[in-house]
Amino acid sequence: MTPAEPIARLRSLRSVALRTPEAKKAAEFYQDVWGLDAVEDDGGVAWLRGTGPEHHILEVREADRNGLGKIAFSVGTPREVDDAARRLEALGVPLAAEPGRLDQAGGGYGLRFADPENRLIELSTEVEAVVPRDPDGREAVPRKLAHVVLNTVDIDAACAFYTTVLGMRVSDWSEHQMAFLRCNSDHHVIAFNQAEWTSVNHMAYEMPSIDHFMRGIGRLKHQGVTPLWGPGRHGPGNNTFGYFADPAGLVCEYTSEVEQVEEDAWLCRVWRRVPELSDLWGTAGPPSKDVRTHMAGIPDPGGWWAR
C-alpha cells in the first residue's frame, strides 16, 4: 500500500546508535579523540553530544557484533508522533515501540519501527535539549550529526520507502550506485549505497567551517590517527570529507560546508562515478580498497529488538 501522504514531516536527523563489541573503546575514542562530550554513561551504553543543542548525537551500545542500533529523526509535536503511528498501522508497518515517553537518555516522546531491511527508525519530539557548547565556535569539534550512509541490497526499494513513507526527497544520484536524500535544507541526511549486504557504511559529523574541519583533522593526526581517505571535497553535496576508522572498525567522517537546497529551485542530477567528481580538489583521489572494505562493514540483519 502506498501512503497518500508521508507519515510525518521530518525536521532533522537527530542521532544514530551503534552496536559493537568494542563499545567502551569506541566511546572513549569519540569522547577523547573525536571531540564529542559524554552526557550519560550507563555501563555498556554511552550517549555523546556535539556542540549543538541536541541532547546526544551518538549512542554507543555493547553488542556481540558491529551493527546499527537505530536512526532517530525529530518531528514537531507528540500529535505528529501519534498520527505517524496511525499511518504506519494503515500501511501494515508494525511498531517496535508504541507512541509514548521514551525510556532513554534525554527522554522525549516518540515511536519506533523498522524499515524494509530491519533498520530501527525512531521519530521523536520533546527530547531534552542541552545548552550549546562553545557558542563562539572556536573548538574544532563536531556540532551535529550531518548524515548517515547505509549499505543496501536494493537501492530502489530503500529510496521508495524513505521517500513515500518518510517523506524524504532525493537530492542527487551517483549513477545508480548511491542516492542522497534530504529531509530539510541539508543536501542529504541519509544516503544509500548499493551493496552486497545491509550494513552501516559511515556516519558523518559536521564541523562549523572548513577551517574547523582542517584543524580537526590536524588534531587527530597529532594523536596518531590518520585519515582513511581525505581530506577532499565531494561532488554530490559539495561537502568536504575526511574519513577515519574508530576502534570498532566503523567509519566516521568529518565534514563541512554541506550544500544547502532551495526546495523550489533544486534540480536532482545524476553524477558520473569518476575520480574527479568523488574528490573535486584532487587531494584524496578515489577511495582505496581498504576504505571500501571498511565502508562495506559486515552483514547486519537488524531486528535485534524483536529477539
C-alpha atoms as a PDB file:
ATOM      1  CA  MET A   1       0.000   0.000   0.000  1.00  0.00           C
ATOM      2  CA  THR A   2       1.327   3.428  -0.979  1.00  0.00           C
ATOM      3  CA  PRO A   3       0.613   6.200   1.530  1.00  0.00           C
ATOM      4  CA  ALA A   4      -1.460   9.165   0.386  1.00  0.00           C
ATOM      5  CA  GLU A   5       0.990  11.319   2.345  1.00  0.00           C
ATOM      6  CA  PRO A   6       4.168  10.708   4.366  1.00  0.00           C
ATOM      7  CA  ILE A   7       3.662   9.515   7.919  1.00  0.00           C
ATOM      8  CA  ALA A   8       5.244  12.690   9.333  1.00  0.00           C
ATOM      9  CA  ARG A   9       7.250  15.786   8.465  1.00  0.00           C
ATOM     10  CA  LEU A  10      10.806  15.050   9.485  1.00  0.00           C
ATOM     11  CA  ARG A  11      12.605  18.137  10.769  1.00  0.00           C
ATOM     12  CA  SER A  12      16.130  16.863  11.155  1.00  0.00           C
ATOM     13  CA  LEU A  13      18.421  13.910  11.675  1.00  0.00           C
ATOM     14  CA  ARG A  14      18.756  13.753  15.436  1.00  0.00           C
ATOM     15  CA  SER A  15      21.157  10.910  16.286  1.00  0.00           C
ATOM     16  CA  VAL A  16      22.471   7.491  15.419  1.00  0.00           C
ATOM     17  CA  ALA A  17      23.048   4.492  17.692  1.00  0.00           C
ATOM     18  CA  LEU A  18      25.780   1.943  17.083  1.00  0.00           C
ATOM     19  CA  ARG A  19      26.146  -1.573  18.476  1.00  0.00           C
ATOM     20  CA  THR A  20      29.615  -3.062  18.819  1.00  0.00           C
ATOM     21  CA  PRO A  21      31.712  -5.450  20.940  1.00  0.00           C
ATOM     22  CA  GLU A  22      34.186  -2.548  21.262  1.00  0.00           C
ATOM     23  CA  ALA A  23      31.684  -0.150  22.845  1.00  0.00           C
ATOM     24  CA  LYS A  24      33.978   1.031  25.639  1.00  0.00           C
ATOM     25  CA  LYS A  25      36.935   1.719  23.339  1.00  0.00           C
ATOM     26  CA  ALA A  26      34.683   3.331  20.733  1.00  0.00           C
ATOM     27  CA  ALA A  27      33.015   5.611  23.295  1.00  0.00           C
ATOM     28  CA  GLU A  28      36.423   6.665  24.614  1.00  0.00           C
ATOM     29  CA  PHE A  29      37.570   7.419  21.056  1.00  0.00           C
ATOM     30  CA  TYR A  30      34.548   9.579  20.266  1.00  0.00           C
ATOM     31  CA  GLN A  31      34.997  11.495  23.516  1.00  0.00           C
ATOM     32  CA  ASP A  32      38.774  11.774  23.896  1.00  0.00           C
ATOM     33  CA  VAL A  33      39.820  11.938  20.233  1.00  0.00           C
ATOM     34  CA  TRP A  34      36.831  12.790  18.034  1.00  0.00           C
ATOM     35  CA  GLY A  35      35.658  15.678  20.240  1.00  0.00           C
ATOM     36  CA  LEU A  36      32.208  14.688  21.470  1.00  0.00           C
ATOM     37  CA  ASP A  37      31.134  15.112  25.101  1.00  0.00           C
ATOM     38  CA  ALA A  38      29.651  12.294  27.193  1.00  0.00           C
ATOM     39  CA  VAL A  39      26.257  13.329  28.562  1.00  0.00           C
ATOM     40  CA  GLU A  40      25.424   9.968  30.156  1.00  0.00           C
ATOM     41  CA  ASP A  41      27.128   6.602  30.573  1.00  0.00           C
ATOM     42  CA  ASP A  42      25.244   3.565  31.810  1.00  0.00           C
ATOM     43  CA  GLY A  43      27.647   0.656  31.878  1.00  0.00           C
ATOM     44  CA  GLY A  44      27.522  -0.744  28.360  1.00  0.00           C
ATOM     45  CA  VAL A  45      25.838   2.330  26.854  1.00  0.00           C
ATOM     46  CA  ALA A  46      27.273   5.807  26.276  1.00  0.00           C
ATOM     47  CA  TRP A  47      25.444   8.868  24.949  1.00  0.00           C
ATOM     48  CA  LEU A  48      27.580  11.620  23.416  1.00  0.00           C
ATOM     49  CA  ARG A  49      26.769  15.136  22.232  1.00  0.00           C
ATOM     50  CA  GLY A  50      28.247  17.677  19.844  1.00  0.00           C
ATOM     51  CA  THR A  51      28.390  21.420  20.428  1.00  0.00           C
ATOM     52  CA  GLY A  52      24.785  21.962  19.266  1.00  0.00           C
ATOM     53  CA  PRO A  53      21.527  21.775  21.261  1.00  0.00           C
ATOM     54  CA  GLU A  54      20.766  18.079  20.667  1.00  0.00           C
ATOM     55  CA  HIS A  55      20.937  16.069  23.901  1.00  0.00           C
ATOM     56  CA  HIS A  56      23.059  13.479  22.095  1.00  0.00           C
ATOM     57  CA  ILE A  57      24.014  12.756  18.507  1.00  0.00           C
ATOM     58  CA  LEU A  58      25.646   9.372  19.086  1.00  0.00           C
ATOM     59  CA  GLU A  59      24.773   6.368  21.223  1.00  0.00           C
ATOM     60  CA  VAL A  60      27.282   3.537  21.555  1.00  0.00           C
ATOM     61  CA  ARG A  61      25.974   0.261  22.966  1.00  0.00           C
ATOM     62  CA  GLU A  62      27.675  -3.040  23.817  1.00  0.00           C
ATOM     63  CA  ALA A  63      26.700  -5.914  21.489  1.00  0.00           C
ATOM     64  CA  ASP A  64      28.124  -9.155  20.165  1.00  0.00           C
ATOM     65  CA  ARG A  65      28.850  -7.710  16.691  1.00  0.00           C
ATOM     66  CA  ASN A  66      29.014  -4.416  14.830  1.00  0.00           C
ATOM     67  CA  GLY A  67      25.668  -3.113  13.661  1.00  0.00           C
ATOM     68  CA  LEU A  68      23.215  -0.257  13.592  1.00  0.00           C
ATOM     69  CA  GLY A  69      21.240   0.374  16.763  1.00  0.00           C
ATOM     70  CA  LYS A  70      18.826   2.945  15.349  1.00  0.00           C
ATOM     71  CA  ILE A  71      18.495   6.196  13.451  1.00  0.00           C
ATOM     72  CA  ALA A  72      16.493   8.960  15.153  1.00  0.00           C
ATOM     73  CA  PHE A  73      14.685  11.807  13.389  1.00  0.00           C
ATOM     74  CA  SER A  74      12.965  14.761  15.025  1.00  0.00           C
ATOM     75  CA  VAL A  75       9.340  15.729  14.443  1.00  0.00           C
ATOM     76  CA  GLY A  76       7.423  18.711  15.783  1.00  0.00           C
ATOM     77  CA  THR A  77       4.857  17.540  18.317  1.00  0.00           C
ATOM     78  CA  PRO A  78       3.525  14.463  20.161  1.00  0.00           C
ATOM     79  CA  ARG A  79       0.434  14.641  17.959  1.00  0.00           C
ATOM     80  CA  GLU A  80       2.645  14.140  14.910  1.00  0.00           C
ATOM     81  CA  VAL A  81       4.078  11.018  16.550  1.00  0.00           C
ATOM     82  CA  ASP A  82       0.558   9.695  17.223  1.00  0.00           C
ATOM     83  CA  ASP A  83      -0.523  10.480  13.653  1.00  0.00           C
ATOM     84  CA  ALA A  84       2.567   8.684  12.333  1.00  0.00           C
ATOM     85  CA  ALA A  85       1.634   5.586  14.334  1.00  0.00           C
ATOM     86  CA  ARG A  86      -1.838   5.505  12.787  1.00  0.00           C
ATOM     87  CA  ARG A  87      -0.430   5.917   9.284  1.00  0.00           C
ATOM     88  CA  LEU A  88       2.141   3.171   9.837  1.00  0.00           C
ATOM     89  CA  GLU A  89      -0.609   0.859  11.058  1.00  0.00           C
ATOM     90  CA  ALA A  90      -2.640   1.620   7.923  1.00  0.00           C
ATOM     91  CA  LEU A  91       0.409   0.716   5.826  1.00  0.00           C
ATOM     92  CA  GLY A  92       0.867  -2.572   7.671  1.00  0.00           C
ATOM     93  CA  VAL A  93       4.207  -1.472   9.167  1.00  0.00           C
ATOM     94  CA  PRO A  94       4.445  -2.925  12.701  1.00  0.00           C
ATOM     95  CA  LEU A  95       5.725  -0.764  15.523  1.00  0.00           C
ATOM     96  CA  ALA A  96       8.746  -1.829  17.552  1.00  0.00           C
ATOM     97  CA  ALA A  97       7.703   0.714  20.220  1.00  0.00           C
ATOM     98  CA  GLU A  98       4.258   2.306  20.513  1.00  0.00           C
ATOM     99  CA  PRO A  99       3.947   6.100  20.902  1.00  0.00           C
ATOM    100  CA  GLY A 100       4.883   7.174  24.412  1.00  0.00           C
ATOM    101  CA  ARG A 101       7.590   8.519  26.652  1.00  0.00           C
ATOM    102  CA  LEU A 102      10.975   7.230  25.574  1.00  0.00           C
ATOM    103  CA  ASP A 103      12.910   5.312  28.211  1.00  0.00           C
ATOM    104  CA  GLN A 104      16.355   6.560  27.250  1.00  0.00           C
ATOM    105  CA  ALA A 105      18.852   9.317  27.942  1.00  0.00           C
ATOM    106  CA  GLY A 106      17.256  12.638  27.031  1.00  0.00           C
ATOM    107  CA  GLY A 107      13.732  11.230  27.285  1.00  0.00           C
ATOM    108  CA  GLY A 108      11.227  12.598  24.816  1.00  0.00           C
ATOM    109  CA  TYR A 109       8.051  11.296  23.214  1.00  0.00           C
ATOM    110  CA  GLY A 110       8.286   9.014  20.230  1.00  0.00           C
ATOM    111  CA  LEU A 111       7.822   5.712  18.469  1.00  0.00           C
ATOM    112  CA  ARG A 112       9.998   3.163  16.710  1.00  0.00           C
ATOM    113  CA  PHE A 113       9.555   0.917  13.687  1.00  0.00           C
ATOM    114  CA  ALA A 114      11.713  -0.970  11.217  1.00  0.00           C
ATOM    115  CA  ASP A 115      12.381  -0.153   7.582  1.00  0.00           C
ATOM    116  CA  PRO A 116      12.272  -2.933   4.932  1.00  0.00           C
ATOM    117  CA  GLU A 117      15.845  -4.006   5.748  1.00  0.00           C
ATOM    118  CA  ASN A 118      15.182  -4.236   9.507  1.00  0.00           C
ATOM    119  CA  ARG A 119      16.863  -0.962  10.471  1.00  0.00           C
ATOM    120  CA  LEU A 120      15.291   0.571  13.557  1.00  0.00           C
ATOM    121  CA  ILE A 121      13.895   4.073  12.964  1.00  0.00           C
ATOM    122  CA  GLU A 122      12.833   6.422  15.757  1.00  0.00           C
ATOM    123  CA  LEU A 123      10.638   9.507  15.418  1.00  0.00           C
ATOM    124  CA  SER A 124      10.815  11.726  18.479  1.00  0.00           C
ATOM    125  CA  THR A 125       9.914  15.104  19.906  1.00  0.00           C
ATOM    126  CA  GLU A 126      10.301  16.891  23.239  1.00  0.00           C
ATOM    127  CA  VAL A 127      13.730  15.327  23.746  1.00  0.00           C
ATOM    128  CA  GLU A 128      15.668  17.194  26.420  1.00  0.00           C
ATOM    129  CA  ALA A 129      17.835  19.911  24.882  1.00  0.00           C
ATOM    130  CA  VAL A 130      21.242  20.915  26.175  1.00  0.00           C
ATOM    131  CA  VAL A 131      22.915  24.312  26.294  1.00  0.00           C
ATOM    132  CA  PRO A 132      25.053  24.718  23.158  1.00  0.00           C
ATOM    133  CA  ARG A 133      28.720  24.235  23.922  1.00  0.00           C
ATOM    134  CA  ASP A 134      31.377  26.564  22.522  1.00  0.00           C
ATOM    135  CA  PRO A 135      28.921  29.308  21.404  1.00  0.00           C
ATOM    136  CA  ASP A 136      31.768  31.283  19.810  1.00  0.00           C
ATOM    137  CA  GLY A 137      32.625  28.335  17.591  1.00  0.00           C
ATOM    138  CA  ARG A 138      36.297  28.197  18.477  1.00  0.00           C
ATOM    139  CA  GLU A 139      36.665  24.466  19.078  1.00  0.00           C
ATOM    140  CA  ALA A 140      37.472  22.173  16.149  1.00  0.00           C
ATOM    141  CA  VAL A 141      34.876  19.596  17.171  1.00  0.00           C
ATOM    142  CA  PRO A 142      31.563  18.458  15.625  1.00  0.00           C
ATOM    143  CA  ARG A 143      28.391  20.427  16.224  1.00  0.00           C
ATOM    144  CA  LYS A 144      25.904  17.864  14.898  1.00  0.00           C
ATOM    145  CA  LEU A 145      25.400  14.585  13.093  1.00  0.00           C
ATOM    146  CA  ALA A 146      25.450  15.529   9.416  1.00  0.00           C
ATOM    147  CA  HIS A 147      24.417  12.290   7.705  1.00  0.00           C
ATOM    148  CA  VAL A 148      24.361   8.515   7.845  1.00  0.00           C
ATOM    149  CA  VAL A 149      25.252   6.421   4.805  1.00  0.00           C
ATOM    150  CA  LEU A 150      23.677   2.963   4.642  1.00  0.00           C
ATOM    151  CA  ASN A 151      24.602  -0.023   2.500  1.00  0.00           C
ATOM    152  CA  THR A 152      21.520  -1.573   0.916  1.00  0.00           C
ATOM    153  CA  VAL A 153      20.830  -4.634  -1.203  1.00  0.00           C
ATOM    154  CA  ASP A 154      18.057  -2.798  -3.094  1.00  0.00           C
ATOM    155  CA  ILE A 155      18.649   0.914  -3.547  1.00  0.00           C
ATOM    156  CA  ASP A 156      15.382   1.487  -5.396  1.00  0.00           C
ATOM    157  CA  ALA A 157      13.272  -0.145  -2.670  1.00  0.00           C
ATOM    158  CA  ALA A 158      15.162   1.745   0.036  1.00  0.00           C
ATOM    159  CA  CYS A 159      14.628   5.088  -1.700  1.00  0.00           C
ATOM    160  CA  ALA A 160      10.955   4.294  -2.299  1.00  0.00           C
ATOM    161  CA  PHE A 161      10.336   3.614   1.395  1.00  0.00           C
ATOM    162  CA  TYR A 162      12.211   6.652   2.674  1.00  0.00           C
ATOM    163  CA  THR A 163      10.560   8.995   0.159  1.00  0.00           C
ATOM    164  CA  THR A 164       6.971   7.725   0.146  1.00  0.00           C
ATOM    165  CA  VAL A 165       6.677   6.707   3.807  1.00  0.00           C
ATOM    166  CA  LEU A 166       9.079   9.131   5.489  1.00  0.00           C
ATOM    167  CA  GLY A 167       8.640  11.990   3.022  1.00  0.00           C
ATOM    168  CA  MET A 168      12.327  12.449   2.215  1.00  0.00           C
ATOM    169  CA  ARG A 169      13.428  13.853  -1.137  1.00  0.00           C
ATOM    170  CA  VAL A 170      16.189  12.565  -3.398  1.00  0.00           C
ATOM    171  CA  SER A 171      18.685  15.383  -3.913  1.00  0.00           C
ATOM    172  CA  ASP A 172      21.104  13.627  -6.272  1.00  0.00           C
ATOM    173  CA  TRP A 173      22.261  10.271  -7.573  1.00  0.00           C
ATOM    174  CA  SER A 174      25.795   8.995  -8.118  1.00  0.00           C
ATOM    175  CA  GLU A 175      24.909   6.972 -11.197  1.00  0.00           C
ATOM    176  CA  HIS A 176      22.742   4.106  -9.887  1.00  0.00           C
ATOM    177  CA  GLN A 177      25.203   3.328  -7.092  1.00  0.00           C
ATOM    178  CA  MET A 178      24.357   5.985  -4.487  1.00  0.00           C
ATOM    179  CA  ALA A 179      21.298   8.098  -3.681  1.00  0.00           C
ATOM    180  CA  PHE A 180      21.364  11.207  -1.474  1.00  0.00           C
ATOM    181  CA  LEU A 181      18.181  12.003   0.474  1.00  0.00           C
ATOM    182  CA  ARG A 182      17.202  15.099   2.434  1.00  0.00           C
ATOM    183  CA  CYS A 183      14.528  15.995   4.966  1.00  0.00           C
ATOM    184  CA  ASN A 184      15.418  19.681   5.328  1.00  0.00           C
ATOM    185  CA  SER A 185      17.712  22.137   3.538  1.00  0.00           C
ATOM    186  CA  ASP A 186      20.839  19.990   4.039  1.00  0.00           C
ATOM    187  CA  HIS A 187      21.686  18.272   0.742  1.00  0.00           C
ATOM    188  CA  HIS A 188      21.485  14.872   2.409  1.00  0.00           C
ATOM    189  CA  VAL A 189      20.966  13.414   5.863  1.00  0.00           C
ATOM    190  CA  ILE A 190      20.658   9.825   4.622  1.00  0.00           C
ATOM    191  CA  ALA A 191      22.445   8.260   1.660  1.00  0.00           C
ATOM    192  CA  PHE A 192      22.092   4.751   0.294  1.00  0.00           C
ATOM    193  CA  ASN A 193      24.893   2.769  -1.328  1.00  0.00           C
ATOM    194  CA  GLN A 194      24.055  -0.301  -3.419  1.00  0.00           C
ATOM    195  CA  ALA A 195      25.946  -3.211  -1.868  1.00  0.00           C
ATOM    196  CA  GLU A 196      26.083  -6.969  -1.398  1.00  0.00           C
ATOM    197  CA  TRP A 197      24.618  -6.783   2.116  1.00  0.00           C
ATOM    198  CA  THR A 198      22.843  -4.424   4.505  1.00  0.00           C
ATOM    199  CA  SER A 199      25.165  -2.563   6.875  1.00  0.00           C
ATOM    200  CA  VAL A 200      26.313   0.851   8.057  1.00  0.00           C
ATOM    201  CA  ASN A 201      28.664   2.486   5.563  1.00  0.00           C
ATOM    202  CA  HIS A 202      29.672   5.507   7.668  1.00  0.00           C
ATOM    203  CA  MET A 203      28.477   8.373   9.877  1.00  0.00           C
ATOM    204  CA  ALA A 204      29.413  11.995   9.169  1.00  0.00           C
ATOM    205  CA  TYR A 205      29.745  14.748  11.749  1.00  0.00           C
ATOM    206  CA  GLU A 206      29.515  18.389  10.734  1.00  0.00           C
ATOM    207  CA  MET A 207      32.216  20.865  11.648  1.00  0.00           C
ATOM    208  CA  PRO A 208      31.318  24.584  11.840  1.00  0.00           C
ATOM    209  CA  SER A 209      33.584  25.638   8.955  1.00  0.00           C
ATOM    210  CA  ILE A 210      36.273  24.394   6.616  1.00  0.00           C
ATOM    211  CA  ASP A 211      38.863  25.852   8.996  1.00  0.00           C
ATOM    212  CA  HIS A 212      37.425  23.807  11.890  1.00  0.00           C
ATOM    213  CA  PHE A 213      37.346  20.794   9.570  1.00  0.00           C
ATOM    214  CA  MET A 214      41.049  21.054   8.752  1.00  0.00           C
ATOM    215  CA  ARG A 215      42.053  21.790  12.343  1.00  0.00           C
ATOM    216  CA  GLY A 216      40.037  18.756  13.475  1.00  0.00           C
ATOM    217  CA  ILE A 217      41.923  16.535  11.037  1.00  0.00           C
ATOM    218  CA  GLY A 218      45.174  18.081  12.254  1.00  0.00           C
ATOM    219  CA  ARG A 219      44.286  17.327  15.877  1.00  0.00           C
ATOM    220  CA  LEU A 220      43.617  13.686  15.037  1.00  0.00           C
ATOM    221  CA  LYS A 221      46.879  13.393  13.116  1.00  0.00           C
ATOM    222  CA  HIS A 222      48.778  14.770  16.111  1.00  0.00           C
ATOM    223  CA  GLN A 223      47.216  11.936  18.128  1.00  0.00           C
ATOM    224  CA  GLY A 224      48.406   9.376  15.608  1.00  0.00           C
ATOM    225  CA  VAL A 225      45.032   8.943  13.854  1.00  0.00           C
ATOM    226  CA  THR A 226      45.383   9.449  10.099  1.00  0.00           C
ATOM    227  CA  PRO A 227      42.545   9.616   7.554  1.00  0.00           C
ATOM    228  CA  LEU A 228      41.485   6.518   5.674  1.00  0.00           C
ATOM    229  CA  TRP A 229      40.502   8.882   2.838  1.00  0.00           C
ATOM    230  CA  GLY A 230      40.798  12.629   2.554  1.00  0.00           C
ATOM    231  CA  PRO A 231      40.824  15.497   3.042  1.00  0.00           C
ATOM    232  CA  GLY A 232      38.878  16.270  -0.103  1.00  0.00           C
ATOM    233  CA  ARG A 233      35.606  17.680  -1.400  1.00  0.00           C
ATOM    234  CA  HIS A 234      32.792  15.579  -2.867  1.00  0.00           C
ATOM    235  CA  GLY A 235      30.814  16.451  -5.978  1.00  0.00           C
ATOM    236  CA  PRO A 236      27.324  15.454  -4.761  1.00  0.00           C
ATOM    237  CA  GLY A 237      26.615  17.674  -1.750  1.00  0.00           C
ATOM    238  CA  ASN A 238      29.766  19.764  -2.354  1.00  0.00           C
ATOM    239  CA  ASN A 239      30.858  18.898   1.203  1.00  0.00           C
ATOM    240  CA  THR A 240      34.390  18.422   2.464  1.00  0.00           C
ATOM    241  CA  PHE A 241      35.362  14.966   3.702  1.00  0.00           C
ATOM    242  CA  GLY A 242      37.895  13.256   5.901  1.00  0.00           C
ATOM    243  CA  TYR A 243      37.173   9.604   6.739  1.00  0.00           C
ATOM    244  CA  PHE A 244      38.582   7.729   9.732  1.00  0.00           C
ATOM    245  CA  ALA A 245      38.059   4.350  11.414  1.00  0.00           C
ATOM    246  CA  ASP A 246      37.039   4.116  15.069  1.00  0.00           C
ATOM    247  CA  PRO A 247      38.360   1.313  17.340  1.00  0.00           C
ATOM    248  CA  ALA A 248      35.457  -0.921  16.293  1.00  0.00           C
ATOM    249  CA  GLY A 249      36.419  -0.537  12.631  1.00  0.00           C
ATOM    250  CA  LEU A 250      33.348   1.603  11.885  1.00  0.00           C
ATOM    251  CA  VAL A 251      33.897   4.578   9.596  1.00  0.00           C
ATOM    252  CA  CYS A 252      33.348   8.130  10.832  1.00  0.00           C
ATOM    253  CA  GLU A 253      33.714  11.317   8.815  1.00  0.00           C
ATOM    254  CA  TYR A 254      34.423  14.958   9.489  1.00  0.00           C
ATOM    255  CA  THR A 255      32.591  17.174   7.011  1.00  0.00           C
ATOM    256  CA  SER A 256      31.744  20.835   6.485  1.00  0.00           C
ATOM    257  CA  GLU A 257      30.040  23.183   4.037  1.00  0.00           C
ATOM    258  CA  VAL A 258      27.253  20.745   3.139  1.00  0.00           C
ATOM    259  CA  GLU A 259      25.326  22.199   0.201  1.00  0.00           C
ATOM    260  CA  GLN A 260      22.037  23.871   1.115  1.00  0.00           C
ATOM    261  CA  VAL A 261      18.988  23.105  -1.015  1.00  0.00           C
ATOM    262  CA  GLU A 262      16.493  25.755  -2.077  1.00  0.00           C
ATOM    263  CA  GLU A 263      13.466  23.480  -2.271  1.00  0.00           C
ATOM    264  CA  ASP A 264      11.575  25.092  -5.163  1.00  0.00           C
ATOM    265  CA  ALA A 265      14.681  25.666  -7.274  1.00  0.00           C
ATOM    266  CA  TRP A 266      16.627  22.423  -6.780  1.00  0.00           C
ATOM    267  CA  LEU A 267      17.064  20.024  -9.698  1.00  0.00           C
ATOM    268  CA  CYS A 268      18.122  16.476  -8.923  1.00  0.00           C
ATOM    269  CA  ARG A 269      21.028  15.363 -11.105  1.00  0.00           C
ATOM    270  CA  VAL A 270      22.889  12.136 -11.813  1.00  0.00           C
ATOM    271  CA  TRP A 271      26.621  12.421 -11.176  1.00  0.00           C
ATOM    272  CA  ARG A 272      29.137  10.255 -13.019  1.00  0.00           C
ATOM    273  CA  ARG A 273      31.259   7.996 -10.807  1.00  0.00           C
ATOM    274  CA  VAL A 274      34.694   9.250 -11.785  1.00  0.00           C
ATOM    275  CA  PRO A 275      37.637  10.214  -9.520  1.00  0.00           C
ATOM    276  CA  GLU A 276      37.438  13.920 -10.366  1.00  0.00           C
ATOM    277  CA  LEU A 277      33.834  14.078  -9.073  1.00  0.00           C
ATOM    278  CA  SER A 278      34.331  11.907  -5.986  1.00  0.00           C
ATOM    279  CA  ASP A 279      37.019  14.421  -4.967  1.00  0.00           C
ATOM    280  CA  LEU A 280      36.736  17.832  -6.626  1.00  0.00           C
ATOM    281  CA  TRP A 281      40.020  19.016  -5.096  1.00  0.00           C
ATOM    282  CA  GLY A 282      42.030  16.052  -6.356  1.00  0.00           C
ATOM    283  CA  THR A 283      43.807  15.852  -2.996  1.00  0.00           C
ATOM    284  CA  ALA A 284      42.422  12.479  -1.897  1.00  0.00           C
ATOM    285  CA  GLY A 285      41.836  10.679  -5.172  1.00  0.00           C
ATOM    286  CA  PRO A 286      39.443   7.718  -5.410  1.00  0.00           C
ATOM    287  CA  PRO A 287      38.775   5.586  -2.307  1.00  0.00           C
ATOM    288  CA  SER A 288      41.241   2.742  -1.802  1.00  0.00           C
ATOM    289  CA  LYS A 289      40.372  -0.939  -1.432  1.00  0.00           C
ATOM    290  CA  ASP A 290      40.979  -0.587   2.321  1.00  0.00           C
ATOM    291  CA  VAL A 291      38.483   2.281   2.571  1.00  0.00           C
ATOM    292  CA  ARG A 292      35.874   0.328   0.629  1.00  0.00           C
ATOM    293  CA  THR A 293      36.391  -2.708   2.885  1.00  0.00           C
ATOM    294  CA  HIS A 294      35.847  -0.599   5.996  1.00  0.00           C
ATOM    295  CA  MET A 295      32.744   1.024   4.497  1.00  0.00           C
ATOM    296  CA  ALA A 296      31.286  -2.351   3.499  1.00  0.00           C
ATOM    297  CA  GLY A 297      31.262  -3.473   7.141  1.00  0.00           C
ATOM    298  CA  ILE A 298      29.755  -6.846   7.977  1.00  0.00           C
ATOM    299  CA  PRO A 299      26.225  -8.070   7.170  1.00  0.00           C
ATOM    300  CA  ASP A 300      23.731  -6.562   9.615  1.00  0.00           C
ATOM    301  CA  PRO A 301      20.409  -8.433   9.727  1.00  0.00           C
ATOM    302  CA  GLY A 302      18.915  -5.955  12.216  1.00  0.00           C
ATOM    303  CA  GLY A 303      15.839  -6.984  14.146  1.00  0.00           C
ATOM    304  CA  TRP A 304      17.776  -7.321  17.414  1.00  0.00           C
ATOM    305  CA  TRP A 305      14.985  -5.560  19.361  1.00  0.00           C
ATOM    306  CA  ALA A 306      12.492  -8.296  18.441  1.00  0.00           C
ATOM    307  CA  ARG A 307      14.681 -11.211  19.516  1.00  0.00           C
END
